[in-house]
C-alpha atoms as a PDB file:
ATOM      1  CA  MET A   1     -36.421 -20.409  31.598  1.00  0.00           C
ATOM      2  CA  PRO A   2     -38.283 -20.847  34.959  1.00  0.00           C
ATOM      3  CA  THR A   3     -41.854 -19.291  34.925  1.00  0.00           C
ATOM      4  CA  HIS A   4     -40.076 -16.413  36.934  1.00  0.00           C
ATOM      5  CA  ARG A   5     -43.122 -15.143  38.563  1.00  0.00           C
ATOM      6  CA  ILE A   6     -42.975 -13.137  41.703  1.00  0.00           C
ATOM      7  CA  SER A   7     -45.905 -14.851  43.448  1.00  0.00           C
ATOM      8  CA  PRO A   8     -46.480 -17.648  46.020  1.00  0.00           C
ATOM      9  CA  THR A   9     -47.605 -20.003  42.914  1.00  0.00           C
ATOM     10  CA  SER A  10     -44.014 -19.237  41.246  1.00  0.00           C
ATOM     11  CA  LEU A  11     -42.300 -19.653  44.339  1.00  0.00           C
ATOM     12  CA  ARG A  12     -44.240 -23.124  44.794  1.00  0.00           C
ATOM     13  CA  HIS A  13     -43.407 -23.747  41.159  1.00  0.00           C
ATOM     14  CA  ARG A  14     -39.611 -22.981  41.804  1.00  0.00           C
ATOM     15  CA  LEU A  15     -39.087 -25.066  44.999  1.00  0.00           C
ATOM     16  CA  ASN A  16     -40.827 -28.135  43.315  1.00  0.00           C
ATOM     17  CA  LEU A  17     -39.517 -27.655  39.780  1.00  0.00           C
ATOM     18  CA  ALA A  18     -42.760 -28.269  38.357  1.00  0.00           C
ATOM     19  CA  GLY A  19     -42.697 -24.923  36.760  1.00  0.00           C
ATOM     20  CA  ARG A  20     -39.432 -24.841  35.586  1.00  0.00           C
ATOM     21  CA  ARG A  21     -38.265 -25.660  32.031  1.00  0.00           C
ATOM     22  CA  LEU A  22     -38.628 -29.088  30.465  1.00  0.00           C
ATOM     23  CA  CYS A  23     -35.273 -30.130  29.735  1.00  0.00           C
ATOM     24  CA  VAL A  24     -33.758 -33.471  29.072  1.00  0.00           C
ATOM     25  CA  VAL A  25     -31.033 -34.467  31.331  1.00  0.00           C
ATOM     26  CA  VAL A  26     -29.649 -37.519  29.511  1.00  0.00           C
ATOM     27  CA  ALA A  27     -30.630 -38.683  25.887  1.00  0.00           C
ATOM     28  CA  GLY A  28     -34.106 -40.728  26.379  1.00  0.00           C
ATOM     29  CA  ALA A  29     -34.487 -39.426  29.883  1.00  0.00           C
ATOM     30  CA  THR A  30     -37.958 -37.738  31.002  1.00  0.00           C
ATOM     31  CA  ALA A  31     -37.789 -34.017  30.899  1.00  0.00           C
ATOM     32  CA  ALA A  32     -36.174 -32.710  34.285  1.00  0.00           C
ATOM     33  CA  ALA A  33     -38.622 -29.978  34.551  1.00  0.00           C
ATOM     34  CA  SER A  34     -41.385 -28.033  32.615  1.00  0.00           C
ATOM     35  CA  VAL A  35     -38.092 -26.485  29.465  1.00  0.00           C
ATOM     36  CA  VAL A  36     -36.862 -16.857  10.623  1.00  0.00           C
ATOM     37  CA  THR A  37     -37.213 -17.465   8.669  1.00  0.00           C
ATOM     38  CA  ALA A  38     -35.967 -20.607   7.520  1.00  0.00           C
ATOM     39  CA  PRO A  39     -32.952 -19.325   5.456  1.00  0.00           C
ATOM     40  CA  LEU A  40     -31.861 -17.532   8.505  1.00  0.00           C
ATOM     41  CA  VAL A  41     -31.473 -20.784  10.613  1.00  0.00           C
ATOM     42  CA  HIS A  42     -28.000 -22.197  10.067  1.00  0.00           C
ATOM     43  CA  ALA A  43     -26.491 -25.543  10.768  1.00  0.00           C
ATOM     44  CA  VAL A  44     -24.840 -26.057  14.144  1.00  0.00           C
ATOM     45  CA  PRO A  45     -21.190 -25.326  13.854  1.00  0.00           C
ATOM     46  CA  ALA A  46     -18.712 -28.126  14.250  1.00  0.00           C
ATOM     47  CA  HIS A  47     -16.924 -26.721  17.078  1.00  0.00           C
ATOM     48  CA  ALA A  48     -18.216 -24.828  20.411  1.00  0.00           C
ATOM     49  CA  ALA A  49     -15.947 -22.152  19.721  1.00  0.00           C
ATOM     50  CA  ALA A  50     -17.971 -20.988  17.023  1.00  0.00           C
ATOM     51  CA  PHE A  51     -20.983 -20.570  19.065  1.00  0.00           C
ATOM     52  CA  THR A  52     -22.368 -17.321  20.528  1.00  0.00           C
ATOM     53  CA  TYR A  53     -22.711 -17.164  24.153  1.00  0.00           C
ATOM     54  CA  GLY A  54     -25.711 -15.599  25.912  1.00  0.00           C
ATOM     55  CA  GLN A  55     -27.766 -15.328  29.019  1.00  0.00           C
ATOM     56  CA  ASP A  56     -31.534 -14.987  29.974  1.00  0.00           C
ATOM     57  CA  VAL A  57     -32.755 -13.559  33.134  1.00  0.00           C
ATOM     58  CA  SER A  58     -36.041 -12.306  34.930  1.00  0.00           C
ATOM     59  CA  GLY A  59     -37.060 -10.608  38.001  1.00  0.00           C
ATOM     60  CA  TYR A  60     -35.233 -13.298  39.830  1.00  0.00           C
ATOM     61  CA  GLU A  61     -31.893 -11.917  38.778  1.00  0.00           C
ATOM     62  CA  ALA A  62     -33.109  -8.439  39.187  1.00  0.00           C
ATOM     63  CA  ASP A  63     -29.471  -7.039  39.937  1.00  0.00           C
ATOM     64  CA  HIS A  64     -27.984  -8.945  37.163  1.00  0.00           C
ATOM     65  CA  ASP A  65     -24.670  -7.076  36.014  1.00  0.00           C
ATOM     66  CA  TRP A  66     -24.785  -7.091  32.523  1.00  0.00           C
ATOM     67  CA  SER A  67     -21.823  -4.772  32.300  1.00  0.00           C
ATOM     68  CA  ALA A  68     -19.672  -7.506  33.767  1.00  0.00           C
ATOM     69  CA  SER A  69     -21.222 -10.111  31.686  1.00  0.00           C
ATOM     70  CA  SER A  70     -19.427 -11.995  28.598  1.00  0.00           C
ATOM     71  CA  ALA A  71     -22.821 -12.466  27.112  1.00  0.00           C
ATOM     72  CA  GLU A  72     -23.235 -11.589  23.377  1.00  0.00           C
ATOM     73  CA  PHE A  73     -26.933 -11.542  23.493  1.00  0.00           C
ATOM     74  CA  GLY A  74     -29.492 -11.350  26.539  1.00  0.00           C
ATOM     75  CA  ILE A  75     -32.915 -12.244  26.830  1.00  0.00           C
ATOM     76  CA  VAL A  76     -35.086 -10.994  29.353  1.00  0.00           C
ATOM     77  CA  LYS A  77     -38.670 -11.846  30.781  1.00  0.00           C
ATOM     78  CA  ALA A  78     -41.197  -9.174  30.079  1.00  0.00           C
ATOM     79  CA  THR A  79     -44.658 -10.397  30.855  1.00  0.00           C
ATOM     80  CA  GLU A  80     -46.769 -13.719  31.634  1.00  0.00           C
ATOM     81  CA  GLY A  81     -50.317 -14.535  30.989  1.00  0.00           C
ATOM     82  CA  LEU A  82     -52.737 -11.749  30.938  1.00  0.00           C
ATOM     83  CA  SER A  83     -51.699  -9.355  33.699  1.00  0.00           C
ATOM     84  CA  PHE A  84     -47.976 -10.028  34.979  1.00  0.00           C
ATOM     85  CA  LEU A  85     -45.340  -7.494  34.259  1.00  0.00           C
ATOM     86  CA  ASP A  86     -41.759  -8.519  35.333  1.00  0.00           C
ATOM     87  CA  PRO A  87     -40.730  -5.988  37.668  1.00  0.00           C
ATOM     88  CA  ALA A  88     -37.106  -6.229  36.648  1.00  0.00           C
ATOM     89  CA  PHE A  89     -37.956  -5.881  32.727  1.00  0.00           C
ATOM     90  CA  ALA A  90     -37.512  -2.383  32.381  1.00  0.00           C
ATOM     91  CA  ARG A  91     -34.110  -2.170  34.013  1.00  0.00           C
ATOM     92  CA  HIS A  92     -32.729  -5.342  32.269  1.00  0.00           C
ATOM     93  CA  TRP A  93     -33.950  -3.697  28.900  1.00  0.00           C
ATOM     94  CA  GLN A  94     -32.038  -0.582  29.638  1.00  0.00           C
ATOM     95  CA  GLU A  95     -28.996  -2.026  30.746  1.00  0.00           C
ATOM     96  CA  LEU A  96     -28.954  -4.388  27.854  1.00  0.00           C
ATOM     97  CA  ASP A  97     -29.368  -1.379  25.674  1.00  0.00           C
ATOM     98  CA  LYS A  98     -26.272   0.287  27.292  1.00  0.00           C
ATOM     99  CA  LYS A  99     -24.183  -2.904  26.701  1.00  0.00           C
ATOM    100  CA  GLY A 100     -24.995  -2.910  23.318  1.00  0.00           C
ATOM    101  CA  ILE A 101     -25.555  -6.407  22.588  1.00  0.00           C
ATOM    102  CA  VAL A 102     -28.209  -8.448  21.157  1.00  0.00           C
ATOM    103  CA  ARG A 103     -31.170  -8.350  23.296  1.00  0.00           C
ATOM    104  CA  GLY A 104     -34.622  -9.928  23.369  1.00  0.00           C
ATOM    105  CA  ALA A 105     -37.859  -9.916  25.609  1.00  0.00           C
ATOM    106  CA  TYR A 106     -40.185 -13.230  26.115  1.00  0.00           C
ATOM    107  CA  HIS A 107     -43.622 -13.780  27.239  1.00  0.00           C
ATOM    108  CA  TYR A 108     -44.389 -16.810  29.471  1.00  0.00           C
ATOM    109  CA  GLY A 109     -47.624 -18.198  27.964  1.00  0.00           C
ATOM    110  CA  HIS A 110     -50.572 -20.019  29.506  1.00  0.00           C
ATOM    111  CA  PRO A 111     -52.752 -22.134  27.256  1.00  0.00           C
ATOM    112  CA  GLY A 112     -55.714 -21.744  29.357  1.00  0.00           C
ATOM    113  CA  ASN A 113     -56.178 -17.880  28.362  1.00  0.00           C
ATOM    114  CA  ASP A 114     -56.801 -16.334  24.932  1.00  0.00           C
ATOM    115  CA  PRO A 115     -53.654 -16.180  22.833  1.00  0.00           C
ATOM    116  CA  ILE A 116     -54.487 -12.986  21.248  1.00  0.00           C
ATOM    117  CA  ALA A 117     -55.181 -11.280  24.548  1.00  0.00           C
ATOM    118  CA  GLU A 118     -51.720 -12.503  25.963  1.00  0.00           C
ATOM    119  CA  ALA A 119     -49.997 -11.520  22.730  1.00  0.00           C
ATOM    120  CA  ASP A 120     -51.261  -7.909  22.864  1.00  0.00           C
ATOM    121  CA  TYR A 121     -50.510  -7.592  26.607  1.00  0.00           C
ATOM    122  CA  PHE A 122     -47.126  -8.811  25.761  1.00  0.00           C
ATOM    123  CA  LEU A 123     -46.813  -6.416  22.977  1.00  0.00           C
ATOM    124  CA  SER A 124     -48.270  -3.350  24.995  1.00  0.00           C
ATOM    125  CA  VAL A 125     -45.610  -3.788  27.776  1.00  0.00           C
ATOM    126  CA  VAL A 126     -42.730  -4.263  25.189  1.00  0.00           C
ATOM    127  CA  ASN A 127     -43.869  -1.268  23.017  1.00  0.00           C
ATOM    128  CA  GLN A 128     -43.759   0.882  26.059  1.00  0.00           C
ATOM    129  CA  GLN A 129     -39.622   0.434  26.101  1.00  0.00           C
ATOM    130  CA  PRO A 130     -37.673   2.333  23.482  1.00  0.00           C
ATOM    131  CA  ALA A 131     -36.937  -0.390  20.556  1.00  0.00           C
ATOM    132  CA  LYS A 132     -34.086  -0.646  18.034  1.00  0.00           C
ATOM    133  CA  PRO A 133     -33.394  -2.939  15.153  1.00  0.00           C
ATOM    134  CA  GLY A 134     -32.470  -6.297  15.858  1.00  0.00           C
ATOM    135  CA  ASP A 135     -34.690  -6.716  19.286  1.00  0.00           C
ATOM    136  CA  LEU A 136     -35.886 -10.407  19.434  1.00  0.00           C
ATOM    137  CA  LEU A 137     -39.319 -11.416  20.594  1.00  0.00           C
ATOM    138  CA  VAL A 138     -40.025 -14.775  22.021  1.00  0.00           C
ATOM    139  CA  LEU A 139     -42.609 -17.208  23.237  1.00  0.00           C
ATOM    140  CA  ASP A 140     -41.718 -19.130  26.425  1.00  0.00           C
ATOM    141  CA  LEU A 141     -44.164 -22.005  26.443  1.00  0.00           C
ATOM    142  CA  GLU A 142     -43.737 -24.999  29.130  1.00  0.00           C
ATOM    143  CA  THR A 143     -47.098 -25.548  30.412  1.00  0.00           C
ATOM    144  CA  THR A 144     -50.541 -26.693  29.216  1.00  0.00           C
ATOM    145  CA  ASP A 145     -52.869 -25.465  31.901  1.00  0.00           C
ATOM    146  CA  GLY A 146     -54.552 -28.878  31.522  1.00  0.00           C
ATOM    147  CA  GLU A 147     -55.238 -28.450  27.662  1.00  0.00           C
ATOM    148  CA  SER A 148     -54.863 -30.973  25.110  1.00  0.00           C
ATOM    149  CA  VAL A 149     -51.942 -31.355  22.795  1.00  0.00           C
ATOM    150  CA  ALA A 150     -53.942 -30.158  19.919  1.00  0.00           C
ATOM    151  CA  ASP A 151     -55.149 -27.088  21.801  1.00  0.00           C
ATOM    152  CA  VAL A 152     -51.830 -26.203  23.066  1.00  0.00           C
ATOM    153  CA  ASN A 153     -50.285 -26.457  19.671  1.00  0.00           C
ATOM    154  CA  THR A 154     -53.054 -24.357  18.212  1.00  0.00           C
ATOM    155  CA  TRP A 155     -52.874 -21.731  20.860  1.00  0.00           C
ATOM    156  CA  ALA A 156     -49.238 -21.570  20.377  1.00  0.00           C
ATOM    157  CA  LYS A 157     -49.640 -21.097  16.621  1.00  0.00           C
ATOM    158  CA  ARG A 158     -52.234 -18.205  17.134  1.00  0.00           C
ATOM    159  CA  TRP A 159     -49.677 -16.429  19.387  1.00  0.00           C
ATOM    160  CA  LEU A 160     -46.763 -16.545  17.169  1.00  0.00           C
ATOM    161  CA  GLU A 161     -48.860 -15.873  13.985  1.00  0.00           C
ATOM    162  CA  TYR A 162     -50.443 -12.744  15.550  1.00  0.00           C
ATOM    163  CA  VAL A 163     -47.184 -11.200  17.027  1.00  0.00           C
ATOM    164  CA  LYS A 164     -45.546 -11.919  13.473  1.00  0.00           C
ATOM    165  CA  ALA A 165     -48.682  -9.999  11.774  1.00  0.00           C
ATOM    166  CA  LYS A 166     -48.660  -7.058  14.224  1.00  0.00           C
ATOM    167  CA  THR A 167     -44.783  -6.533  14.213  1.00  0.00           C
ATOM    168  CA  GLY A 168     -43.526  -8.010  11.163  1.00  0.00           C
ATOM    169  CA  VAL A 169     -40.830 -10.045  13.395  1.00  0.00           C
ATOM    170  CA  THR A 170     -41.059 -13.833  13.244  1.00  0.00           C
ATOM    171  CA  PRO A 171     -40.995 -14.717  17.137  1.00  0.00           C
ATOM    172  CA  MET A 172     -38.762 -17.139  18.590  1.00  0.00           C
ATOM    173  CA  PHE A 173     -40.286 -20.303  20.344  1.00  0.00           C
ATOM    174  CA  TYR A 174     -38.558 -21.250  23.513  1.00  0.00           C
ATOM    175  CA  SER A 175     -39.361 -24.392  25.399  1.00  0.00           C
ATOM    176  CA  GLY A 176     -37.854 -27.729  26.896  1.00  0.00           C
ATOM    177  CA  TRP A 177     -36.949 -30.533  24.430  1.00  0.00           C
ATOM    178  CA  ASP A 178     -39.880 -32.818  25.341  1.00  0.00           C
ATOM    179  CA  PHE A 179     -42.355 -30.302  25.715  1.00  0.00           C
ATOM    180  CA  ALA A 180     -41.444 -29.082  22.089  1.00  0.00           C
ATOM    181  CA  ASP A 181     -41.228 -32.374  20.550  1.00  0.00           C
ATOM    182  CA  THR A 182     -44.873 -32.926  22.092  1.00  0.00           C
ATOM    183  CA  TYR A 183     -46.303 -29.506  21.415  1.00  0.00           C
ATOM    184  CA  GLY A 184     -44.500 -27.990  18.551  1.00  0.00           C
ATOM    185  CA  HIS A 185     -45.509 -29.709  15.486  1.00  0.00           C
ATOM    186  CA  GLY A 186     -46.199 -27.372  12.749  1.00  0.00           C
ATOM    187  CA  LEU A 187     -43.971 -24.732  14.355  1.00  0.00           C
ATOM    188  CA  GLY A 188     -40.751 -25.415  12.261  1.00  0.00           C
ATOM    189  CA  GLY A 189     -40.769 -21.986  10.694  1.00  0.00           C
ATOM    190  CA  TYR A 190     -40.158 -20.012  13.905  1.00  0.00           C
ATOM    191  CA  PRO A 191     -36.527 -19.972  15.295  1.00  0.00           C
ATOM    192  CA  LEU A 192     -36.224 -22.639  17.831  1.00  0.00           C
ATOM    193  CA  TRP A 193     -34.558 -21.836  21.345  1.00  0.00           C
ATOM    194  CA  VAL A 194     -34.486 -25.212  22.875  1.00  0.00           C
ATOM    195  CA  ALA A 195     -33.474 -25.946  26.693  1.00  0.00           C
ATOM    196  CA  TYR A 196     -31.644 -29.491  27.188  1.00  0.00           C
ATOM    197  CA  TYR A 197     -29.420 -29.705  30.139  1.00  0.00           C
ATOM    198  CA  GLY A 198     -26.870 -32.200  30.750  1.00  0.00           C
ATOM    199  CA  ARG A 199     -25.373 -32.049  27.448  1.00  0.00           C
ATOM    200  CA  ALA A 200     -22.515 -30.190  26.021  1.00  0.00           C
ATOM    201  CA  LYS A 201     -23.075 -26.737  24.400  1.00  0.00           C
ATOM    202  CA  GLY A 202     -24.740 -27.375  20.971  1.00  0.00           C
ATOM    203  CA  ASP A 203     -24.963 -30.975  21.619  1.00  0.00           C
ATOM    204  CA  VAL A 204     -28.713 -31.117  20.851  1.00  0.00           C
ATOM    205  CA  THR A 205     -30.691 -32.435  18.025  1.00  0.00           C
ATOM    206  CA  PRO A 206     -34.070 -30.499  17.174  1.00  0.00           C
ATOM    207  CA  PRO A 207     -37.165 -31.753  18.258  1.00  0.00           C
ATOM    208  CA  ALA A 208     -40.373 -32.108  16.320  1.00  0.00           C
ATOM    209  CA  ASP A 209     -40.594 -30.463  12.895  1.00  0.00           C
ATOM    210  CA  TRP A 210     -37.479 -28.344  13.361  1.00  0.00           C
ATOM    211  CA  LYS A 211     -34.612 -28.974  11.109  1.00  0.00           C
ATOM    212  CA  THR A 212     -32.244 -27.155  13.347  1.00  0.00           C
ATOM    213  CA  TRP A 213     -32.007 -25.139  16.445  1.00  0.00           C
ATOM    214  CA  THR A 214     -31.038 -21.423  17.038  1.00  0.00           C
ATOM    215  CA  ILE A 215     -30.325 -21.269  20.766  1.00  0.00           C
ATOM    216  CA  HIS A 216     -29.451 -24.032  22.913  1.00  0.00           C
ATOM    217  CA  GLN A 217     -30.031 -23.320  26.810  1.00  0.00           C
ATOM    218  CA  TYR A 218     -27.657 -25.888  28.406  1.00  0.00           C
ATOM    219  CA  THR A 219     -27.686 -25.047  31.976  1.00  0.00           C
ATOM    220  CA  ASP A 220     -29.402 -22.815  34.562  1.00  0.00           C
ATOM    221  CA  THR A 221     -26.330 -22.871  36.939  1.00  0.00           C
ATOM    222  CA  PRO A 222     -25.596 -20.402  38.419  1.00  0.00           C
ATOM    223  CA  ILE A 223     -27.660 -18.613  35.911  1.00  0.00           C
ATOM    224  CA  ASP A 224     -29.211 -19.637  32.619  1.00  0.00           C
ATOM    225  CA  GLN A 225     -26.675 -19.930  30.176  1.00  0.00           C
ATOM    226  CA  ASN A 226     -27.183 -20.492  26.330  1.00  0.00           C
ATOM    227  CA  VAL A 227     -25.095 -20.670  23.218  1.00  0.00           C
ATOM    228  CA  SER A 228     -26.469 -19.965  19.569  1.00  0.00           C
ATOM    229  CA  SER A 229     -25.506 -21.331  16.103  1.00  0.00           C
ATOM    230  CA  LEU A 230     -25.733 -18.073  14.976  1.00  0.00           C
ATOM    231  CA  SER A 231     -23.470 -15.045  14.990  1.00  0.00           C
ATOM    232  CA  PRO A 232     -24.831 -11.850  16.634  1.00  0.00           C
ATOM    233  CA  GLN A 233     -25.417 -10.157  13.384  1.00  0.00           C
ATOM    234  CA  GLN A 234     -27.698 -13.197  12.254  1.00  0.00           C
ATOM    235  CA  LEU A 235     -29.385 -13.154  15.377  1.00  0.00           C
ATOM    236  CA  ARG A 236     -30.305  -9.206  14.996  1.00  0.00           C
ATOM    237  CA  ALA A 237     -31.458 -10.377  11.602  1.00  0.00           C
ATOM    238  CA  LEU A 238     -34.345 -12.466  13.377  1.00  0.00           C
ATOM    239  CA  GLY A 239     -35.387  -9.181  15.216  1.00  0.00           C
ATOM    240  CA  ARG A 240     -37.164  -5.909  14.850  1.00  0.00           C
ATOM    241  CA  ARG A 241     -36.497  -4.030  11.398  1.00  0.00           C
END
């Protein structure tokens, strides 16, 4: 997912793609842009027809019509860093509730900040909205802020562990394939949402230590589109109790 910041920096990133998801266009190519528990992560179905279709949006798609969408799950941006609140979060959250599909909220992380402070900020915003069983929580990590591989990896672990301890939910980890493969070692216990463009739906192998993927984001045209190897019921089992 793009950084989706409504700010000059974000717009610059959006224009030059530096802030967009890291995603591999063809096998072995360089990333095109910036991107459960174990028993609940299932193997990829043999046929695309078995996949669950979903979409993700942020303030860039503030007026997205969820009622007309064929998505069976929707994941929306809530926060970024230590202070950015996506202006469309509340609307998207409420519209997804009306539609009745699986929904999730994501936080765009910045490893240059304290991970606990960022996690607390994310939870403070999400907890202001009515919750329901099955709501997913997601860390979107696509930038290093100049930190080392080891430091970014440690940052991600601390954020994910903290959110799990505070909520009882095992958060999902989102990133582009290359970024996840470089910075995601040791995170295989967290459900993987991986961006890998230019490939057929579900035609992706898991990076780093993951044994399988949970969601594959296969394109951002005309909107971010995804498939999950899990059914809606299985996705809900990854969320709030």
